[in-house]
């Protein structure tokens, strides 16, 4: 099974998406969007930008944990990873987003 985007709708109506790898792990999470349409546009942007390594910004949290953000061509952050234990895991996460995002179907979270 390939990865997938899951759209999550909160009780207040705001939405966000998670990109999940084929093993079900969340590899990228978006900001909260005011509308579903804006969330869907965010997914389109991830699909378009995930194949460009220059769009991934590798970062380190205050506690030293590596993570990354994916940015659109305008510099806006469109997704954020989990915290990783090692830089190698961080790079594996980036590779997973690049591999899974372009063809991932979009589904509603259950």
N, C-alpha and C. Protein backbone atom coordinates (compact mmCIF):
# COMPACT_ATOMS: atom_id res chain seq x y z
N UNK A 1 0.84 -1.19 0.00
CA UNK A 1 0.00 0.00 0.00
C UNK A 1 0.88 1.24 0.00
N UNK A 2 0.51 2.22 -0.77
CA UNK A 2 1.25 3.48 -0.83
C UNK A 2 0.83 4.39 0.32
N UNK A 3 1.51 5.52 0.42
CA UNK A 3 1.13 6.50 1.43
C UNK A 3 -0.18 7.16 1.07
N UNK A 4 -0.70 7.98 2.01
CA UNK A 4 -1.95 8.69 1.76
C UNK A 4 -1.99 9.96 2.59
N UNK A 5 -2.76 10.92 2.08
CA UNK A 5 -3.06 12.13 2.83
C UNK A 5 -4.39 11.91 3.54
N UNK A 6 -4.43 12.18 4.83
CA UNK A 6 -5.68 12.13 5.58
C UNK A 6 -6.06 13.54 6.00
N UNK A 7 -7.28 13.92 5.65
CA UNK A 7 -7.80 15.22 6.08
C UNK A 7 -8.54 15.03 7.39
N UNK A 8 -8.16 15.82 8.38
CA UNK A 8 -8.75 15.75 9.72
C UNK A 8 -9.53 17.04 9.95
N UNK A 9 -10.80 16.90 10.34
CA UNK A 9 -11.63 18.07 10.63
C UNK A 9 -11.88 18.13 12.13
N UNK A 10 -11.52 19.26 12.73
CA UNK A 10 -11.72 19.46 14.17
C UNK A 10 -13.17 19.85 14.44
N UNK A 11 -13.56 19.81 15.71
CA UNK A 11 -14.92 20.18 16.08
C UNK A 11 -15.23 21.63 15.74
N UNK A 12 -14.19 22.48 15.71
CA UNK A 12 -14.42 23.89 15.39
C UNK A 12 -14.47 24.13 13.88
N UNK A 13 -14.38 23.06 13.08
CA UNK A 13 -14.49 23.19 11.63
C UNK A 13 -13.18 23.38 10.90
N UNK A 14 -12.11 23.67 11.64
CA UNK A 14 -10.81 23.82 10.99
C UNK A 14 -10.29 22.45 10.57
N UNK A 15 -9.48 22.45 9.51
CA UNK A 15 -8.96 21.19 9.01
C UNK A 15 -7.44 21.23 8.93
N UNK A 16 -6.84 20.05 8.93
CA UNK A 16 -5.42 19.91 8.64
C UNK A 16 -5.23 18.55 7.99
N UNK A 17 -4.06 18.33 7.43
CA UNK A 17 -3.80 17.02 6.85
C UNK A 17 -2.57 16.40 7.45
N UNK A 18 -2.56 15.08 7.41
CA UNK A 18 -1.39 14.28 7.75
C UNK A 18 -1.03 13.47 6.52
N UNK A 19 0.24 13.44 6.18
CA UNK A 19 0.72 12.53 5.16
C UNK A 19 1.23 11.31 5.90
N UNK A 20 0.65 10.16 5.57
CA UNK A 20 1.05 8.92 6.22
C UNK A 20 1.81 8.04 5.24
N UNK A 21 2.87 7.41 5.73
CA UNK A 21 3.63 6.46 4.93
C UNK A 21 2.83 5.17 4.81
N UNK A 22 3.32 4.26 3.99
CA UNK A 22 2.61 3.00 3.76
C UNK A 22 2.45 2.18 5.05
N UNK A 23 3.33 2.42 6.04
CA UNK A 23 3.23 1.69 7.32
C UNK A 23 2.26 2.37 8.30
N UNK A 24 1.62 3.46 7.86
CA UNK A 24 0.65 4.15 8.70
C UNK A 24 1.21 5.25 9.57
N UNK A 25 2.53 5.41 9.57
CA UNK A 25 3.15 6.46 10.39
C UNK A 25 2.97 7.83 9.75
N UNK A 26 2.69 8.82 10.56
CA UNK A 26 2.58 10.20 10.06
C UNK A 26 3.99 10.71 9.78
N UNK A 27 4.20 11.19 8.54
CA UNK A 27 5.52 11.70 8.17
C UNK A 27 5.51 13.20 7.91
N UNK A 28 4.31 13.80 7.81
CA UNK A 28 4.22 15.24 7.60
C UNK A 28 2.84 15.69 8.07
N UNK A 29 2.80 16.81 8.79
CA UNK A 29 1.54 17.38 9.28
C UNK A 29 1.47 18.84 8.87
N UNK A 30 0.28 19.27 8.50
CA UNK A 30 0.10 20.66 8.07
C UNK A 30 -0.32 21.55 9.23
N UNK A 31 -0.39 22.84 8.93
CA UNK A 31 -0.99 23.80 9.84
C UNK A 31 -2.50 23.57 9.84
N UNK A 32 -3.21 24.27 10.71
CA UNK A 32 -4.67 24.24 10.71
C UNK A 32 -5.17 25.25 9.67
N UNK A 33 -6.11 24.82 8.85
CA UNK A 33 -6.69 25.67 7.82
C UNK A 33 -8.12 26.04 8.19
N UNK A 34 -8.55 27.22 7.76
CA UNK A 34 -9.91 27.68 8.04
C UNK A 34 -10.95 26.89 7.25
N UNK A 35 -10.59 26.46 6.03
CA UNK A 35 -11.54 25.76 5.17
C UNK A 35 -10.94 24.47 4.62
N UNK A 36 -11.81 23.57 4.22
CA UNK A 36 -11.36 22.33 3.60
C UNK A 36 -10.65 22.63 2.28
N UNK A 37 -11.16 23.58 1.52
CA UNK A 37 -10.56 23.94 0.23
C UNK A 37 -9.12 24.39 0.43
N UNK A 38 -8.86 25.19 1.45
CA UNK A 38 -7.49 25.66 1.73
C UNK A 38 -6.61 24.47 2.10
N UNK A 39 -7.16 23.51 2.85
CA UNK A 39 -6.43 22.30 3.22
C UNK A 39 -6.08 21.49 1.96
N UNK A 40 -7.05 21.34 1.07
CA UNK A 40 -6.81 20.61 -0.18
C UNK A 40 -5.75 21.31 -1.02
N UNK A 41 -5.75 22.64 -1.03
CA UNK A 41 -4.72 23.39 -1.75
C UNK A 41 -3.34 23.13 -1.14
N UNK A 42 -3.28 22.99 0.19
CA UNK A 42 -2.03 22.65 0.86
C UNK A 42 -1.51 21.30 0.41
N UNK A 43 -2.40 20.34 0.25
CA UNK A 43 -2.01 19.01 -0.21
C UNK A 43 -1.45 19.08 -1.63
N UNK A 44 -2.10 19.85 -2.49
CA UNK A 44 -1.60 20.03 -3.87
C UNK A 44 -0.19 20.61 -3.83
N UNK A 45 0.04 21.56 -2.94
CA UNK A 45 1.36 22.18 -2.82
C UNK A 45 2.40 21.17 -2.35
N UNK A 46 2.04 20.32 -1.39
CA UNK A 46 2.98 19.28 -0.93
C UNK A 46 3.33 18.36 -2.09
N UNK A 47 2.32 17.92 -2.83
CA UNK A 47 2.56 17.02 -3.97
C UNK A 47 3.51 17.67 -4.97
N UNK A 48 3.35 18.97 -5.19
CA UNK A 48 4.17 19.68 -6.17
C UNK A 48 5.60 19.90 -5.68
N UNK A 49 5.79 20.12 -4.40
CA UNK A 49 7.09 20.50 -3.86
C UNK A 49 7.90 19.37 -3.24
N UNK A 50 7.28 18.23 -2.97
CA UNK A 50 7.94 17.13 -2.25
C UNK A 50 9.13 16.55 -3.02
N UNK A 51 9.13 16.65 -4.33
CA UNK A 51 10.22 16.09 -5.12
C UNK A 51 11.44 16.99 -5.23
N UNK A 52 11.37 18.18 -4.64
CA UNK A 52 12.46 19.15 -4.73
C UNK A 52 13.16 19.23 -3.36
N UNK A 53 14.34 18.63 -3.27
CA UNK A 53 15.06 18.59 -1.99
C UNK A 53 15.32 19.98 -1.42
N UNK A 54 15.45 20.97 -2.28
CA UNK A 54 15.72 22.34 -1.81
C UNK A 54 14.54 22.91 -1.03
N UNK A 55 13.37 22.33 -1.16
CA UNK A 55 12.18 22.82 -0.43
C UNK A 55 12.13 22.30 1.00
N UNK A 56 12.99 21.33 1.33
CA UNK A 56 13.03 20.79 2.70
C UNK A 56 14.07 21.57 3.51
N UNK A 57 13.62 22.10 4.61
CA UNK A 57 14.53 22.81 5.51
C UNK A 57 14.78 21.92 6.72
N UNK A 58 16.03 21.51 6.88
CA UNK A 58 16.41 20.67 8.01
C UNK A 58 16.65 21.55 9.22
N UNK A 59 16.01 21.19 10.34
CA UNK A 59 16.07 22.02 11.54
C UNK A 59 16.42 21.16 12.75
N UNK A 60 16.77 21.82 13.84
CA UNK A 60 17.05 21.15 15.10
C UNK A 60 16.26 21.85 16.20
N UNK A 61 15.51 21.08 16.96
CA UNK A 61 14.72 21.61 18.08
C UNK A 61 15.65 22.01 19.22
N UNK A 62 15.11 22.74 20.18
CA UNK A 62 15.90 23.19 21.34
C UNK A 62 16.52 22.02 22.09
N UNK A 63 15.84 20.88 22.09
CA UNK A 63 16.37 19.72 22.81
C UNK A 63 17.36 18.91 21.96
N UNK A 64 17.66 19.41 20.76
CA UNK A 64 18.63 18.74 19.89
C UNK A 64 18.03 17.76 18.90
N UNK A 65 16.71 17.56 18.95
CA UNK A 65 16.05 16.62 18.04
C UNK A 65 15.97 17.19 16.63
N UNK A 66 16.41 16.43 15.63
CA UNK A 66 16.27 16.89 14.26
C UNK A 66 14.81 16.75 13.78
N UNK A 67 14.40 17.69 12.94
CA UNK A 67 13.11 17.61 12.27
C UNK A 67 13.23 18.41 10.98
N UNK A 68 12.17 18.44 10.18
CA UNK A 68 12.22 19.22 8.95
C UNK A 68 10.87 19.88 8.68
N UNK A 69 10.93 20.92 7.87
CA UNK A 69 9.72 21.54 7.34
C UNK A 69 9.82 21.51 5.82
N UNK A 70 8.66 21.44 5.18
CA UNK A 70 8.57 21.51 3.73
C UNK A 70 7.98 22.87 3.39
N UNK A 71 8.65 23.59 2.50
CA UNK A 71 8.19 24.93 2.13
C UNK A 71 7.75 24.96 0.67
N UNK A 72 6.78 25.82 0.41
CA UNK A 72 6.33 26.06 -0.96
C UNK A 72 7.33 27.00 -1.63
N UNK A 73 7.14 27.21 -2.92
CA UNK A 73 8.05 28.07 -3.67
C UNK A 73 8.04 29.51 -3.16
N UNK A 74 6.97 29.93 -2.48
CA UNK A 74 6.90 31.28 -1.92
C UNK A 74 7.51 31.38 -0.53
N UNK A 75 8.07 30.26 -0.03
CA UNK A 75 8.72 30.26 1.28
C UNK A 75 7.81 29.90 2.43
N UNK A 76 6.51 29.75 2.17
CA UNK A 76 5.56 29.39 3.24
C UNK A 76 5.74 27.94 3.64
N UNK A 77 5.69 27.66 4.94
CA UNK A 77 5.75 26.28 5.44
C UNK A 77 4.42 25.60 5.13
N UNK A 78 4.48 24.44 4.48
CA UNK A 78 3.27 23.70 4.16
C UNK A 78 3.17 22.39 4.93
N UNK A 79 4.23 22.01 5.61
CA UNK A 79 4.19 20.79 6.41
C UNK A 79 5.39 20.70 7.33
N UNK A 80 5.20 19.99 8.44
CA UNK A 80 6.24 19.83 9.45
C UNK A 80 6.31 18.36 9.83
N UNK A 81 7.52 17.89 10.07
CA UNK A 81 7.71 16.48 10.46
C UNK A 81 7.60 16.31 11.97
N UNK A 82 7.68 15.06 12.38
CA UNK A 82 7.82 14.74 13.79
C UNK A 82 9.27 15.04 14.21
N UNK A 83 9.54 14.90 15.47
CA UNK A 83 10.92 15.01 15.97
C UNK A 83 11.59 13.65 15.81
N UNK A 84 12.82 13.67 15.35
CA UNK A 84 13.57 12.43 15.15
C UNK A 84 14.69 12.32 16.18
N UNK A 85 15.18 11.11 16.35
CA UNK A 85 16.29 10.88 17.28
C UNK A 85 17.64 11.13 16.61
N UNK A 86 17.71 10.90 15.30
CA UNK A 86 18.99 11.05 14.59
C UNK A 86 18.79 11.80 13.27
N UNK A 87 19.88 12.34 12.77
CA UNK A 87 19.84 13.01 11.46
C UNK A 87 19.53 12.01 10.36
N UNK A 88 20.00 10.78 10.52
CA UNK A 88 19.70 9.75 9.52
C UNK A 88 18.20 9.49 9.44
N UNK A 89 17.55 9.43 10.59
CA UNK A 89 16.09 9.25 10.62
C UNK A 89 15.39 10.44 9.96
N UNK A 90 15.91 11.63 10.22
CA UNK A 90 15.38 12.83 9.59
C UNK A 90 15.46 12.72 8.06
N UNK A 91 16.61 12.30 7.56
CA UNK A 91 16.80 12.15 6.11
C UNK A 91 15.88 11.05 5.55
N UNK A 92 15.68 9.99 6.31
CA UNK A 92 14.75 8.94 5.90
C UNK A 92 13.33 9.49 5.81
N UNK A 93 12.97 10.37 6.74
CA UNK A 93 11.65 11.00 6.73
C UNK A 93 11.46 11.86 5.49
N UNK A 94 12.49 12.63 5.15
CA UNK A 94 12.43 13.46 3.95
C UNK A 94 12.27 12.59 2.70
N UNK A 95 13.05 11.51 2.64
CA UNK A 95 12.96 10.59 1.50
C UNK A 95 11.57 9.97 1.42
N UNK A 96 10.97 9.68 2.55
CA UNK A 96 9.63 9.09 2.58
C UNK A 96 8.58 10.08 2.06
N UNK A 97 8.69 11.34 2.46
CA UNK A 97 7.77 12.36 1.94
C UNK A 97 7.93 12.49 0.43
N UNK A 98 9.18 12.57 -0.03
CA UNK A 98 9.44 12.70 -1.46
C UNK A 98 8.88 11.53 -2.25
N UNK A 99 8.94 10.33 -1.66
CA UNK A 99 8.47 9.12 -2.34
C UNK A 99 6.95 9.00 -2.29
N UNK A 100 6.36 9.27 -1.14
CA UNK A 100 4.94 9.01 -0.93
C UNK A 100 4.01 10.13 -1.40
N UNK A 101 4.41 11.39 -1.26
CA UNK A 101 3.49 12.50 -1.48
C UNK A 101 2.97 12.64 -2.91
N UNK A 102 3.83 12.54 -3.94
CA UNK A 102 3.34 12.89 -5.29
C UNK A 102 2.11 12.12 -5.76
N UNK A 103 1.99 10.85 -5.42
CA UNK A 103 0.87 10.03 -5.92
C UNK A 103 -0.09 9.60 -4.83
N UNK A 104 0.07 10.15 -3.64
CA UNK A 104 -0.76 9.71 -2.51
C UNK A 104 -2.21 10.15 -2.69
N UNK A 105 -3.14 9.23 -2.46
CA UNK A 105 -4.56 9.60 -2.52
C UNK A 105 -4.93 10.43 -1.29
N UNK A 106 -6.05 11.13 -1.38
CA UNK A 106 -6.54 11.96 -0.28
C UNK A 106 -7.80 11.30 0.26
N UNK A 107 -7.83 11.07 1.57
CA UNK A 107 -8.99 10.46 2.22
C UNK A 107 -9.34 11.25 3.47
N UNK A 108 -10.56 11.07 3.94
CA UNK A 108 -10.96 11.67 5.20
C UNK A 108 -10.55 10.75 6.34
N UNK A 109 -10.03 11.32 7.41
CA UNK A 109 -9.65 10.53 8.58
C UNK A 109 -10.91 9.93 9.17
N UNK A 110 -10.77 8.76 9.76
CA UNK A 110 -11.93 8.08 10.36
C UNK A 110 -12.06 8.43 11.81
